[in-house]
Each structure stands twice: as C-alpha cells, then as structure tokens.
Amino acid sequence: MRNYEFTVIIRSGKVEEGKNALKEILTKCEATVVSEEDWGLRRLAYEIDELKEAYYSHSILEATPDKVAKISALLRLNTVFLRFLFVVQEKKTA
C-alpha cells in the first residue's frame, strides 16, 4: 500500500452529488482516506466547460497502484468531476 495525495475539482453546481459519488468510488475501490481537506469554491485559472469557479477537495489516500488506476477510470466516467490528480507521497527518511 502507498500513500497518495489526491486532489479533485468538482463542478460548482453539483458539489454534494460529487462528494457522495467520490465517497462511493473510494469505498468501492477499497481506498482508505487518511485525511481530507475541503478547499472550497475557488476561481479557476482558465475556464473548463464554460465554468469559472469550481469546488476543490484534497485528500491523503492509502491504496495500491491498481486501485488508483481503477479510481481514475471511474472518475473519468462521471461528468461531475472536472479534473483530478494523484501524486505518490514519498516516504521520508531520516
């Protein structure tokens, strides 16, 4: 299992639907949420699907690489999510 930083951008008009769908996807793929931070509604650097603002959520997940691939595939199928990004957290050494 690895730790991943995970950021997702949700359409501003469908925040609750997006949060619920995200929890379902993470549960279905057996990913463990270590910590979660809601960054709230923010202005986008450029328009995406004619939207100027969107809701940002940032999490630390524990999952295997194949589960991350499955989560990515399911996020791409749902139009509520505009963008998402997974970054592997490196283990700190002394």
N, C-alpha and C. Protein backbone atom coordinates (compact mmCIF):
# COMPACT_ATOMS: atom_id res chain seq x y z
N MET A 1 0.84 -1.19 0.00
CA MET A 1 0.00 0.00 0.00
C MET A 1 0.89 1.25 0.00
N ARG A 2 0.46 2.22 -0.77
CA ARG A 2 1.15 3.50 -0.85
C ARG A 2 0.22 4.60 -0.41
N ASN A 3 0.81 5.72 -0.01
CA ASN A 3 0.03 6.91 0.28
C ASN A 3 0.06 7.83 -0.94
N TYR A 4 -1.09 8.39 -1.26
CA TYR A 4 -1.23 9.29 -2.40
C TYR A 4 -1.88 10.59 -1.94
N GLU A 5 -1.38 11.71 -2.46
CA GLU A 5 -2.11 12.97 -2.34
C GLU A 5 -3.07 12.98 -3.51
N PHE A 6 -4.32 13.34 -3.23
CA PHE A 6 -5.37 13.26 -4.24
C PHE A 6 -6.16 14.55 -4.21
N THR A 7 -6.18 15.25 -5.33
CA THR A 7 -6.95 16.49 -5.44
C THR A 7 -7.97 16.32 -6.56
N VAL A 8 -9.19 16.74 -6.27
CA VAL A 8 -10.26 16.62 -7.27
C VAL A 8 -10.99 17.96 -7.38
N ILE A 9 -11.39 18.31 -8.60
CA ILE A 9 -12.16 19.53 -8.85
C ILE A 9 -13.56 19.11 -9.28
N ILE A 10 -14.56 19.60 -8.52
CA ILE A 10 -15.96 19.22 -8.72
C ILE A 10 -16.73 20.42 -9.29
N ARG A 11 -17.64 20.16 -10.20
CA ARG A 11 -18.49 21.23 -10.75
C ARG A 11 -19.17 22.00 -9.62
N SER A 12 -19.20 23.31 -9.73
CA SER A 12 -19.71 24.15 -8.64
C SER A 12 -21.19 23.92 -8.34
N GLY A 13 -22.00 23.56 -9.31
CA GLY A 13 -23.42 23.35 -9.09
C GLY A 13 -23.77 21.96 -8.55
N LYS A 14 -22.80 21.07 -8.49
CA LYS A 14 -23.08 19.68 -8.11
C LYS A 14 -22.11 19.19 -7.03
N VAL A 15 -21.87 20.02 -6.04
CA VAL A 15 -20.89 19.71 -5.00
C VAL A 15 -21.31 18.50 -4.16
N GLU A 16 -22.54 18.50 -3.66
CA GLU A 16 -23.00 17.38 -2.82
C GLU A 16 -23.03 16.08 -3.60
N GLU A 17 -23.51 16.14 -4.83
CA GLU A 17 -23.55 14.96 -5.68
C GLU A 17 -22.12 14.44 -5.92
N GLY A 18 -21.18 15.36 -6.14
CA GLY A 18 -19.79 14.99 -6.37
C GLY A 18 -19.15 14.36 -5.14
N LYS A 19 -19.41 14.94 -3.96
CA LYS A 19 -18.85 14.39 -2.73
C LYS A 19 -19.38 12.98 -2.47
N ASN A 20 -20.68 12.79 -2.67
CA ASN A 20 -21.27 11.46 -2.46
C ASN A 20 -20.72 10.44 -3.47
N ALA A 21 -20.60 10.85 -4.72
CA ALA A 21 -20.07 9.95 -5.75
C ALA A 21 -18.62 9.60 -5.46
N LEU A 22 -17.85 10.57 -4.97
CA LEU A 22 -16.45 10.32 -4.65
C LEU A 22 -16.32 9.32 -3.51
N LYS A 23 -17.14 9.47 -2.48
CA LYS A 23 -17.10 8.52 -1.36
C LYS A 23 -17.48 7.12 -1.82
N GLU A 24 -18.47 7.01 -2.69
CA GLU A 24 -18.87 5.71 -3.23
C GLU A 24 -17.73 5.06 -4.02
N ILE A 25 -17.07 5.85 -4.85
CA ILE A 25 -15.98 5.33 -5.67
C ILE A 25 -14.83 4.86 -4.79
N LEU A 26 -14.46 5.65 -3.79
CA LEU A 26 -13.36 5.28 -2.91
C LEU A 26 -13.69 4.03 -2.09
N THR A 27 -14.94 3.92 -1.64
CA THR A 27 -15.37 2.74 -0.89
C THR A 27 -15.37 1.51 -1.79
N LYS A 28 -15.89 1.66 -3.01
CA LYS A 28 -15.94 0.55 -3.96
C LYS A 28 -14.54 0.03 -4.30
N CYS A 29 -13.58 0.95 -4.37
CA CYS A 29 -12.21 0.57 -4.74
C CYS A 29 -11.34 0.26 -3.52
N GLU A 30 -11.92 0.24 -2.36
CA GLU A 30 -11.24 -0.12 -1.12
C GLU A 30 -10.03 0.77 -0.82
N ALA A 31 -10.16 2.06 -1.08
CA ALA A 31 -9.11 3.02 -0.73
C ALA A 31 -9.43 3.60 0.64
N THR A 32 -8.40 3.77 1.46
CA THR A 32 -8.57 4.31 2.80
C THR A 32 -8.22 5.79 2.79
N VAL A 33 -9.14 6.63 3.29
CA VAL A 33 -8.88 8.06 3.38
C VAL A 33 -8.18 8.32 4.71
N VAL A 34 -6.93 8.77 4.63
CA VAL A 34 -6.14 9.07 5.82
C VAL A 34 -6.51 10.44 6.36
N SER A 35 -6.61 11.42 5.48
CA SER A 35 -7.06 12.76 5.88
C SER A 35 -7.77 13.42 4.71
N GLU A 36 -8.65 14.35 5.03
CA GLU A 36 -9.44 15.01 4.00
C GLU A 36 -9.52 16.49 4.32
N GLU A 37 -9.40 17.31 3.29
CA GLU A 37 -9.43 18.75 3.44
C GLU A 37 -10.29 19.34 2.32
N ASP A 38 -11.30 20.09 2.66
CA ASP A 38 -12.10 20.77 1.64
C ASP A 38 -11.55 22.17 1.44
N TRP A 39 -11.13 22.46 0.22
CA TRP A 39 -10.58 23.77 -0.07
C TRP A 39 -11.66 24.75 -0.49
N GLY A 40 -12.86 24.26 -0.74
CA GLY A 40 -13.99 25.12 -1.04
C GLY A 40 -14.05 25.57 -2.49
N LEU A 41 -14.93 26.55 -2.71
CA LEU A 41 -15.16 27.09 -4.05
C LEU A 41 -14.03 28.05 -4.40
N ARG A 42 -13.41 27.82 -5.54
CA ARG A 42 -12.28 28.65 -5.97
C ARG A 42 -12.44 29.02 -7.44
N ARG A 43 -11.84 30.14 -7.76
CA ARG A 43 -11.83 30.59 -9.15
C ARG A 43 -10.80 29.75 -9.92
N LEU A 44 -11.19 29.30 -11.11
CA LEU A 44 -10.31 28.51 -11.95
C LEU A 44 -9.33 29.42 -12.70
N ALA A 45 -8.14 28.93 -12.96
CA ALA A 45 -7.14 29.70 -13.69
C ALA A 45 -7.61 29.96 -15.13
N TYR A 46 -8.36 29.02 -15.67
CA TYR A 46 -8.95 29.17 -17.01
C TYR A 46 -10.29 28.43 -17.01
N GLU A 47 -11.16 28.78 -17.92
CA GLU A 47 -12.48 28.16 -17.99
C GLU A 47 -12.37 26.69 -18.39
N ILE A 48 -13.16 25.87 -17.71
CA ILE A 48 -13.29 24.46 -18.05
C ILE A 48 -14.78 24.21 -18.26
N ASP A 49 -15.16 23.78 -19.42
CA ASP A 49 -16.58 23.57 -19.77
C ASP A 49 -17.41 24.81 -19.45
N GLU A 50 -16.87 25.97 -19.77
CA GLU A 50 -17.52 27.27 -19.57
C GLU A 50 -17.78 27.60 -18.10
N LEU A 51 -17.07 26.98 -17.19
CA LEU A 51 -17.16 27.28 -15.76
C LEU A 51 -15.97 28.13 -15.33
N LYS A 52 -16.23 29.12 -14.48
CA LYS A 52 -15.15 29.98 -13.99
C LYS A 52 -14.78 29.65 -12.55
N GLU A 53 -15.67 28.93 -11.84
CA GLU A 53 -15.42 28.53 -10.46
C GLU A 53 -15.75 27.05 -10.29
N ALA A 54 -15.06 26.42 -9.36
CA ALA A 54 -15.32 25.01 -9.07
C ALA A 54 -14.92 24.73 -7.63
N TYR A 55 -15.36 23.58 -7.13
CA TYR A 55 -15.10 23.17 -5.75
C TYR A 55 -13.90 22.23 -5.71
N TYR A 56 -12.95 22.54 -4.83
CA TYR A 56 -11.73 21.74 -4.70
C TYR A 56 -11.77 20.92 -3.43
N SER A 57 -11.30 19.68 -3.52
CA SER A 57 -11.16 18.80 -2.36
C SER A 57 -9.80 18.11 -2.44
N HIS A 58 -9.12 18.04 -1.30
CA HIS A 58 -7.78 17.44 -1.23
C HIS A 58 -7.79 16.35 -0.17
N SER A 59 -7.22 15.20 -0.48
CA SER A 59 -7.20 14.07 0.46
C SER A 59 -5.86 13.37 0.40
N ILE A 60 -5.56 12.65 1.47
CA ILE A 60 -4.45 11.71 1.50
C ILE A 60 -5.09 10.33 1.52
N LEU A 61 -4.76 9.50 0.54
CA LEU A 61 -5.34 8.17 0.41
C LEU A 61 -4.28 7.10 0.60
N GLU A 62 -4.72 5.96 1.08
CA GLU A 62 -3.86 4.78 1.14
C GLU A 62 -4.48 3.74 0.22
N ALA A 63 -3.73 3.35 -0.82
CA ALA A 63 -4.25 2.40 -1.80
C ALA A 63 -3.11 1.75 -2.56
N THR A 64 -3.43 0.72 -3.29
CA THR A 64 -2.46 0.07 -4.16
C THR A 64 -2.50 0.75 -5.54
N PRO A 65 -1.44 0.65 -6.32
CA PRO A 65 -1.43 1.28 -7.65
C PRO A 65 -2.57 0.82 -8.57
N ASP A 66 -2.94 -0.45 -8.50
CA ASP A 66 -4.04 -0.92 -9.36
C ASP A 66 -5.38 -0.32 -8.93
N LYS A 67 -5.55 -0.07 -7.63
CA LYS A 67 -6.79 0.57 -7.15
C LYS A 67 -6.85 2.02 -7.60
N VAL A 68 -5.69 2.70 -7.62
CA VAL A 68 -5.64 4.08 -8.10
C VAL A 68 -6.04 4.15 -9.57
N ALA A 69 -5.59 3.19 -10.35
CA ALA A 69 -5.97 3.13 -11.77
C ALA A 69 -7.48 2.93 -11.92
N LYS A 70 -8.05 2.09 -11.07
CA LYS A 70 -9.49 1.84 -11.11
C LYS A 70 -10.27 3.10 -10.70
N ILE A 71 -9.79 3.79 -9.66
CA ILE A 71 -10.44 5.04 -9.22
C ILE A 71 -10.39 6.07 -10.35
N SER A 72 -9.24 6.19 -11.01
CA SER A 72 -9.09 7.13 -12.12
C SER A 72 -10.08 6.84 -13.24
N ALA A 73 -10.23 5.58 -13.57
CA ALA A 73 -11.17 5.19 -14.63
C ALA A 73 -12.60 5.56 -14.27
N LEU A 74 -12.99 5.32 -13.01
CA LEU A 74 -14.35 5.64 -12.58
C LEU A 74 -14.58 7.16 -12.51
N LEU A 75 -13.57 7.92 -12.13
CA LEU A 75 -13.71 9.38 -12.09
C LEU A 75 -13.88 9.95 -13.49
N ARG A 76 -13.19 9.36 -14.46
CA ARG A 76 -13.31 9.84 -15.85
C ARG A 76 -14.72 9.62 -16.41
N LEU A 77 -15.40 8.61 -15.92
CA LEU A 77 -16.74 8.30 -16.42
C LEU A 77 -17.81 9.23 -15.86
N ASN A 78 -17.53 9.88 -14.74
CA ASN A 78 -18.51 10.74 -14.08
C ASN A 78 -18.26 12.19 -14.48
N THR A 79 -19.28 12.84 -15.06
CA THR A 79 -19.13 14.21 -15.57
C THR A 79 -19.13 15.27 -14.47
N VAL A 80 -19.39 14.90 -13.23
CA VAL A 80 -19.37 15.84 -12.11
C VAL A 80 -17.95 16.30 -11.82
N PHE A 81 -16.97 15.45 -12.09
CA PHE A 81 -15.58 15.75 -11.80
C PHE A 81 -14.92 16.39 -13.03
N LEU A 82 -14.39 17.61 -12.85
CA LEU A 82 -13.75 18.31 -13.96
C LEU A 82 -12.31 17.83 -14.16
N ARG A 83 -11.56 17.75 -13.06
CA ARG A 83 -10.17 17.31 -13.11
C ARG A 83 -9.83 16.58 -11.81
N PHE A 84 -8.78 15.77 -11.85
CA PHE A 84 -8.27 15.13 -10.63
C PHE A 84 -6.80 14.83 -10.82
N LEU A 85 -6.10 14.64 -9.70
CA LEU A 85 -4.66 14.39 -9.76
C LEU A 85 -4.25 13.51 -8.57
N PHE A 86 -3.49 12.48 -8.87
CA PHE A 86 -2.89 11.62 -7.84
C PHE A 86 -1.38 11.88 -7.85
N VAL A 87 -0.80 12.05 -6.66
CA VAL A 87 0.65 12.19 -6.53
C VAL A 87 1.10 11.24 -5.43
N VAL A 88 2.10 10.41 -5.73
CA VAL A 88 2.63 9.47 -4.74
C VAL A 88 3.38 10.25 -3.67
N GLN A 89 3.05 9.97 -2.40
CA GLN A 89 3.77 10.58 -1.30
C GLN A 89 5.01 9.74 -1.01
N GLU A 90 6.15 10.36 -1.10
CA GLU A 90 7.40 9.66 -0.83
C GLU A 90 7.56 9.45 0.68
N LYS A 91 8.09 8.30 1.05
CA LYS A 91 8.35 8.05 2.46
C LYS A 91 9.58 8.86 2.87
N LYS A 92 9.46 9.55 3.99
CA LYS A 92 10.56 10.38 4.47
C LYS A 92 11.59 9.53 5.19
N THR A 93 12.83 9.78 4.85
CA THR A 93 13.91 9.06 5.53
C THR A 93 14.70 10.07 6.38
N ALA A 94 15.26 9.59 7.45
CA ALA A 94 15.97 10.48 8.38
C ALA A 94 17.26 11.00 7.85
